[in-house]
Amino acid sequence: MNNEEVKQALVAGKPVIYFVPLVGDVRYDRVSAVIYRIINGELAVTAELEDRKGRSTATVRIDRLRFENKEDKENGAEICNPDGV
C-alpha cells in the first residue's frame, strides 16, 4: 500500500493482509492507526493493525500491506489471533 491507500484502509475499517517474510500472508481485522515519523530526516509511514478480537496490535511497514481480496478469502490467509482460536 501507499500512503493514500493506507488512509483509505483506516477509514474503511475492512480486513487487510500483511506479508510476513518466511511466514506468508497474515490477515488482520483492520488498520487501527496510521503513524507518521521522521527517521533520519525522512518521513516514514507505518500502520497499526488490530487482530480480529481487538486484543493486540502490530505496527508494520505499509509496503507489505494490501487490501484483502477474493483470492485471499478463497485461499484462507492465516488469521492473526494470538490465542489460536
N, C-alpha and C. Protein backbone atom coordinates (compact mmCIF):
# COMPACT_ATOMS: atom_id res chain seq x y z
N MET A 1 0.84 -1.18 0.00
CA MET A 1 0.00 0.00 0.00
C MET A 1 0.88 1.24 0.00
N ASN A 2 0.32 2.29 -0.49
CA ASN A 2 0.98 3.58 -0.38
C ASN A 2 0.25 4.41 0.68
N ASN A 3 0.69 5.63 0.89
CA ASN A 3 0.13 6.49 1.92
C ASN A 3 -1.39 6.68 1.77
N GLU A 4 -1.85 6.97 0.55
CA GLU A 4 -3.28 7.18 0.32
C GLU A 4 -4.09 5.91 0.56
N GLU A 5 -3.57 4.77 0.11
CA GLU A 5 -4.29 3.51 0.30
C GLU A 5 -4.42 3.13 1.77
N VAL A 6 -3.37 3.38 2.55
CA VAL A 6 -3.44 3.02 3.97
C VAL A 6 -4.44 3.94 4.69
N LYS A 7 -4.56 5.18 4.26
CA LYS A 7 -5.58 6.07 4.84
C LYS A 7 -6.98 5.57 4.48
N GLN A 8 -7.16 5.09 3.24
CA GLN A 8 -8.45 4.52 2.83
C GLN A 8 -8.79 3.29 3.67
N ALA A 9 -7.79 2.46 3.92
CA ALA A 9 -8.00 1.26 4.73
C ALA A 9 -8.40 1.63 6.16
N LEU A 10 -7.80 2.68 6.70
CA LEU A 10 -8.14 3.15 8.04
C LEU A 10 -9.60 3.57 8.11
N VAL A 11 -10.04 4.36 7.14
CA VAL A 11 -11.41 4.87 7.13
C VAL A 11 -12.41 3.74 6.86
N ALA A 12 -12.07 2.83 5.94
CA ALA A 12 -13.00 1.74 5.57
C ALA A 12 -13.18 0.72 6.68
N GLY A 13 -12.14 0.49 7.48
CA GLY A 13 -12.24 -0.47 8.57
C GLY A 13 -12.39 -1.91 8.12
N LYS A 14 -11.91 -2.22 6.92
CA LYS A 14 -12.03 -3.58 6.39
C LYS A 14 -10.74 -4.37 6.61
N PRO A 15 -10.82 -5.72 6.53
CA PRO A 15 -9.63 -6.55 6.73
C PRO A 15 -8.52 -6.25 5.72
N VAL A 16 -7.29 -6.40 6.19
CA VAL A 16 -6.11 -6.22 5.35
C VAL A 16 -5.20 -7.43 5.51
N ILE A 17 -4.31 -7.60 4.55
CA ILE A 17 -3.35 -8.69 4.55
C ILE A 17 -1.95 -8.10 4.67
N TYR A 18 -1.17 -8.65 5.61
CA TYR A 18 0.22 -8.22 5.78
C TYR A 18 1.11 -9.39 5.43
N PHE A 19 2.10 -9.13 4.56
CA PHE A 19 3.05 -10.16 4.17
C PHE A 19 4.21 -10.19 5.16
N VAL A 20 4.39 -11.34 5.81
CA VAL A 20 5.48 -11.53 6.76
C VAL A 20 6.52 -12.44 6.10
N PRO A 21 7.74 -11.95 5.86
CA PRO A 21 8.76 -12.80 5.26
C PRO A 21 8.95 -14.10 6.05
N LEU A 22 9.13 -15.19 5.35
CA LEU A 22 9.32 -16.54 5.91
C LEU A 22 8.06 -17.12 6.55
N VAL A 23 6.99 -16.34 6.62
CA VAL A 23 5.73 -16.83 7.18
C VAL A 23 4.64 -16.82 6.12
N GLY A 24 4.52 -15.71 5.41
CA GLY A 24 3.49 -15.59 4.38
C GLY A 24 2.48 -14.52 4.74
N ASP A 25 1.29 -14.65 4.18
CA ASP A 25 0.24 -13.66 4.37
C ASP A 25 -0.49 -13.88 5.68
N VAL A 26 -0.70 -12.78 6.40
CA VAL A 26 -1.44 -12.82 7.66
C VAL A 26 -2.57 -11.81 7.57
N ARG A 27 -3.77 -12.24 7.90
CA ARG A 27 -4.95 -11.37 7.83
C ARG A 27 -5.16 -10.68 9.18
N TYR A 28 -5.36 -9.37 9.10
CA TYR A 28 -5.70 -8.58 10.28
C TYR A 28 -7.08 -7.98 10.07
N ASP A 29 -7.79 -7.74 11.16
CA ASP A 29 -9.17 -7.27 11.07
C ASP A 29 -9.28 -5.88 10.47
N ARG A 30 -8.34 -4.99 10.84
CA ARG A 30 -8.43 -3.63 10.32
C ARG A 30 -7.16 -2.85 10.62
N VAL A 31 -7.02 -1.73 9.92
CA VAL A 31 -5.98 -0.75 10.25
C VAL A 31 -6.58 0.14 11.33
N SER A 32 -5.94 0.20 12.49
CA SER A 32 -6.48 0.99 13.59
C SER A 32 -5.80 2.36 13.73
N ALA A 33 -4.66 2.55 13.05
CA ALA A 33 -3.97 3.85 13.09
C ALA A 33 -2.96 3.93 11.96
N VAL A 34 -2.69 5.14 11.52
CA VAL A 34 -1.60 5.42 10.58
C VAL A 34 -0.63 6.30 11.35
N ILE A 35 0.64 5.90 11.35
CA ILE A 35 1.65 6.58 12.17
C ILE A 35 2.70 7.21 11.25
N TYR A 36 2.95 8.50 11.48
CA TYR A 36 3.96 9.23 10.72
C TYR A 36 5.11 9.56 11.65
N ARG A 37 6.33 9.22 11.21
CA ARG A 37 7.54 9.53 11.98
C ARG A 37 8.59 10.11 11.05
N ILE A 38 9.49 10.88 11.62
CA ILE A 38 10.67 11.34 10.88
C ILE A 38 11.83 10.46 11.34
N ILE A 39 12.41 9.72 10.41
CA ILE A 39 13.55 8.85 10.71
C ILE A 39 14.68 9.24 9.76
N ASN A 40 15.80 9.67 10.34
CA ASN A 40 16.96 10.13 9.56
C ASN A 40 16.55 11.20 8.55
N GLY A 41 15.67 12.11 8.98
CA GLY A 41 15.26 13.20 8.12
C GLY A 41 14.23 12.84 7.06
N GLU A 42 13.77 11.61 7.05
CA GLU A 42 12.80 11.14 6.05
C GLU A 42 11.48 10.81 6.74
N LEU A 43 10.37 11.05 6.03
CA LEU A 43 9.06 10.69 6.54
C LEU A 43 8.87 9.18 6.40
N ALA A 44 8.56 8.52 7.50
CA ALA A 44 8.29 7.08 7.49
C ALA A 44 6.85 6.87 7.92
N VAL A 45 6.11 6.11 7.12
CA VAL A 45 4.70 5.84 7.39
C VAL A 45 4.55 4.38 7.76
N THR A 46 3.93 4.12 8.91
CA THR A 46 3.63 2.75 9.33
C THR A 46 2.15 2.67 9.68
N ALA A 47 1.65 1.44 9.75
CA ALA A 47 0.24 1.22 10.09
C ALA A 47 0.16 0.35 11.34
N GLU A 48 -0.80 0.65 12.17
CA GLU A 48 -1.07 -0.18 13.32
C GLU A 48 -2.25 -1.08 12.93
N LEU A 49 -2.06 -2.39 13.05
CA LEU A 49 -3.08 -3.35 12.67
C LEU A 49 -3.67 -4.00 13.90
N GLU A 50 -4.98 -4.21 13.88
CA GLU A 50 -5.67 -4.82 15.02
C GLU A 50 -6.11 -6.23 14.66
N ASP A 51 -5.93 -7.16 15.60
CA ASP A 51 -6.38 -8.53 15.35
C ASP A 51 -7.90 -8.60 15.42
N ARG A 52 -8.45 -9.76 15.09
CA ARG A 52 -9.90 -9.87 14.97
C ARG A 52 -10.65 -9.72 16.27
N LYS A 53 -10.02 -9.91 17.40
CA LYS A 53 -10.70 -9.75 18.68
C LYS A 53 -10.36 -8.41 19.33
N GLY A 54 -9.53 -7.62 18.69
CA GLY A 54 -9.19 -6.30 19.19
C GLY A 54 -8.34 -6.30 20.45
N ARG A 55 -7.63 -7.41 20.69
CA ARG A 55 -6.82 -7.50 21.91
C ARG A 55 -5.34 -7.27 21.68
N SER A 56 -4.91 -7.26 20.44
CA SER A 56 -3.50 -7.00 20.19
C SER A 56 -3.35 -6.21 18.90
N THR A 57 -2.22 -5.51 18.80
CA THR A 57 -1.92 -4.74 17.60
C THR A 57 -0.50 -5.03 17.16
N ALA A 58 -0.24 -4.72 15.89
CA ALA A 58 1.11 -4.83 15.34
C ALA A 58 1.36 -3.56 14.53
N THR A 59 2.55 -3.00 14.64
CA THR A 59 2.92 -1.85 13.84
C THR A 59 3.80 -2.35 12.71
N VAL A 60 3.37 -2.05 11.47
CA VAL A 60 4.01 -2.67 10.30
C VAL A 60 4.33 -1.65 9.22
N ARG A 61 5.24 -2.07 8.34
CA ARG A 61 5.57 -1.29 7.15
C ARG A 61 4.39 -1.34 6.19
N ILE A 62 4.04 -0.22 5.58
CA ILE A 62 2.88 -0.22 4.69
C ILE A 62 3.19 -0.83 3.33
N ASP A 63 4.46 -0.94 2.95
CA ASP A 63 4.78 -1.52 1.65
C ASP A 63 4.54 -3.03 1.60
N ARG A 64 4.30 -3.66 2.75
CA ARG A 64 3.98 -5.10 2.80
C ARG A 64 2.50 -5.35 3.11
N LEU A 65 1.71 -4.31 3.00
CA LEU A 65 0.31 -4.37 3.37
C LEU A 65 -0.55 -4.22 2.12
N ARG A 66 -1.68 -4.94 2.09
CA ARG A 66 -2.62 -4.81 0.96
C ARG A 66 -4.04 -5.06 1.45
N PHE A 67 -4.99 -4.63 0.64
CA PHE A 67 -6.39 -4.91 0.94
C PHE A 67 -6.65 -6.40 0.78
N GLU A 68 -7.52 -6.95 1.60
CA GLU A 68 -7.94 -8.34 1.42
C GLU A 68 -8.76 -8.43 0.14
N ASN A 69 -8.56 -9.48 -0.64
CA ASN A 69 -9.32 -9.66 -1.87
C ASN A 69 -9.98 -11.03 -1.90
N LYS A 70 -10.71 -11.31 -2.96
CA LYS A 70 -11.46 -12.56 -3.08
C LYS A 70 -10.55 -13.78 -3.00
N GLU A 71 -9.37 -13.72 -3.64
CA GLU A 71 -8.45 -14.85 -3.63
C GLU A 71 -7.94 -15.15 -2.22
N ASP A 72 -7.72 -14.10 -1.42
CA ASP A 72 -7.27 -14.31 -0.04
C ASP A 72 -8.32 -15.08 0.74
N LYS A 73 -9.58 -14.74 0.55
CA LYS A 73 -10.66 -15.43 1.26
C LYS A 73 -10.74 -16.89 0.83
N GLU A 74 -10.58 -17.13 -0.48
CA GLU A 74 -10.66 -18.49 -1.01
C GLU A 74 -9.46 -19.33 -0.58
N ASN A 75 -8.28 -18.72 -0.53
CA ASN A 75 -7.06 -19.45 -0.18
C ASN A 75 -6.84 -19.55 1.33
N GLY A 76 -7.64 -18.83 2.09
CA GLY A 76 -7.57 -18.92 3.55
C GLY A 76 -6.28 -18.36 4.13
N ALA A 77 -6.03 -17.06 3.90
CA ALA A 77 -4.86 -16.43 4.52
C ALA A 77 -4.94 -16.62 6.03
N GLU A 78 -3.81 -16.84 6.67
CA GLU A 78 -3.76 -17.06 8.11
C GLU A 78 -4.38 -15.87 8.83
N ILE A 79 -5.25 -16.15 9.78
CA ILE A 79 -5.90 -15.10 10.54
C ILE A 79 -5.08 -14.83 11.80
N CYS A 80 -4.74 -13.57 12.01
CA CYS A 80 -3.95 -13.22 13.18
C CYS A 80 -4.82 -13.27 14.42
N ASN A 81 -4.51 -14.19 15.29
CA ASN A 81 -5.20 -14.32 16.57
C ASN A 81 -4.23 -14.93 17.55
N PRO A 82 -3.74 -14.17 18.51
CA PRO A 82 -2.72 -14.66 19.41
C PRO A 82 -3.15 -15.84 20.28
N ASP A 83 -4.46 -16.05 20.43
CA ASP A 83 -4.94 -17.17 21.24
C ASP A 83 -5.06 -18.47 20.45
N GLY A 84 -4.90 -18.38 19.15
CA GLY A 84 -5.03 -19.57 18.32
C GLY A 84 -6.45 -20.05 18.15
N VAL A 85 -7.43 -19.17 18.45
CA VAL A 85 -8.84 -19.54 18.34
C VAL A 85 -9.38 -19.13 17.01
